[in-house]
Amino acid sequence: MPVLRTLTLSAIVVALSVTLGAQPATPRAAPQTVGLSPSTLAEATALLHRYVEERKIAGAVAAVSRRGTLAYLEAVGVQDLQTRAPMTDRSLFRIYSMTKPVTAVAVMMLHEEGRFALTDPVAKYLPEFGAVRVLSPADGTTREAAAPISIQDLLLHTSGLSHRTSDLYRSASVRSRAHPLAQFIANIVRTPLMEDPGTRYRYSEATTVLGRLVEVWSGKPFDLFMRERVLGPLKMSETGFWVEPQRRARLATVYAPDENVQGGGLAPVEIETVPFTERPALIEGAVGLVSTVPDYVRFAQMLLNKGELDGVRLLRASTVEAMTRNGLSEAVQKARGGAMGWGLANVNVVLNATGMNYPANAGEYGWDGSAGTIFWVDASTEMITVLMTQSSPANPDGLRQRFKTLVHQAIAK
């Protein structure tokens, strides 16, 4: 059986200065001091161990912060089954769509500076979007759009654009990490919209378009703006768009079920033709970042604090409040259905907690990534939960819901 490595709560405190180096740390405390049950959180750790032992995941790192204090940080399993490098709180993860909320923060910072209005048409800043057309599914022809795509449409995924994995975008080679942002924009405007802007929620490549708009509005490359205005001020020193050689040993491998192993097993998979260990041509606002659990806790804490962290304010409180509530129109939300709305922060927002398949509270928000990462922010309990694995499929055997359930049950007061 694989040897597992766990950072216990006591070891975290001792190892803090070593594991995080000079990076400012979120304050730490024992779970019971912030109203969390240590024994129930131990059950959450046991769940992660069981998934490793049953070869459903190679390893995981998870954190729970409450009232601005990190009360739980655990690493189990390994980063790589071949090298046996253990998971640690410094392990790096491809966070895929958890990039989107970070990009949305960059966008709304520029909105506060008056660089654009949410109702502005995208074509005002990217003229290529003035010629987009809408696909008629009945006969495959295209027609003019009934309305232009607005900046708000991009943030709410009501633009009519499609997802990077859709058959349409794959056949048209819309997205490749080998092509720069300018080429991506040229590719996506040549491909028809799936419906008129503003009429339907369709999760899409809109957030990478927003990355290009950040460049236009700021006059800086997207990755430079992110580093100078978002990641740097939040002291997210381990977060970036690729993994440099000196950090590669900490990048966790993505695993998928190995059907050739009797009784179950895992096989490494490479999702991208340009791996995250190489600097990509496409600096991608939708899915491009690599991060750690402690780094992402800092980002989530800034949102929970309504725009501020450690005395540094990125956004006004009113802006974060607007970003983290449902922004979909009544008609679009009704068509989308379900218990979740969608916010300008590029997050799911719980509207009906009784309709969820795990414990949640109205107003709770968060999002996930297609390689096995997820985060939740709940203002009503002052809690942040982050769970990172590297797995395809992203949620093997309901791990996310099971882990979140135990974290919720750990709330003692």
Foldseek 3Di string as FASTA:
>chain_A
DQDKDKCDLVNCVVCVCPQVPPQDFFAADAQVVLQFFPVLVVVLVVLQQVCCVLAVFQWKWKWKAFPRYTHDIIIIGDLDPVVRHGADLLFKEQFFQLLQLLLLLLLVLLVVVVLDDQFAALCVQVVLQVPAWEADVVPRDTHHAPDGAGNVLLLQQQHLAAACPDPQCVVLVLDALQAALVSNVVSRRVGHGHHHGQQARHDYQSQQSSLVVSCRSVVDRSQVSSCVQPCVVLSQVFKGQAAEPVCVVRYGFAWEWDPVDPSIHIDTDQPHPQGRNDNTNYCGSRRGMMGGNRSVVSVLLCLLVQADDPHDGSDHNVSSVQQQDADRDPNRDVVVDFQWGAGSSRWTFGNDQVRDPAGDDHSKIWAGRQQAWIWIQDNVRRMIMIMGGGYVRRQPPNSVRVSRRSRVVRRRD
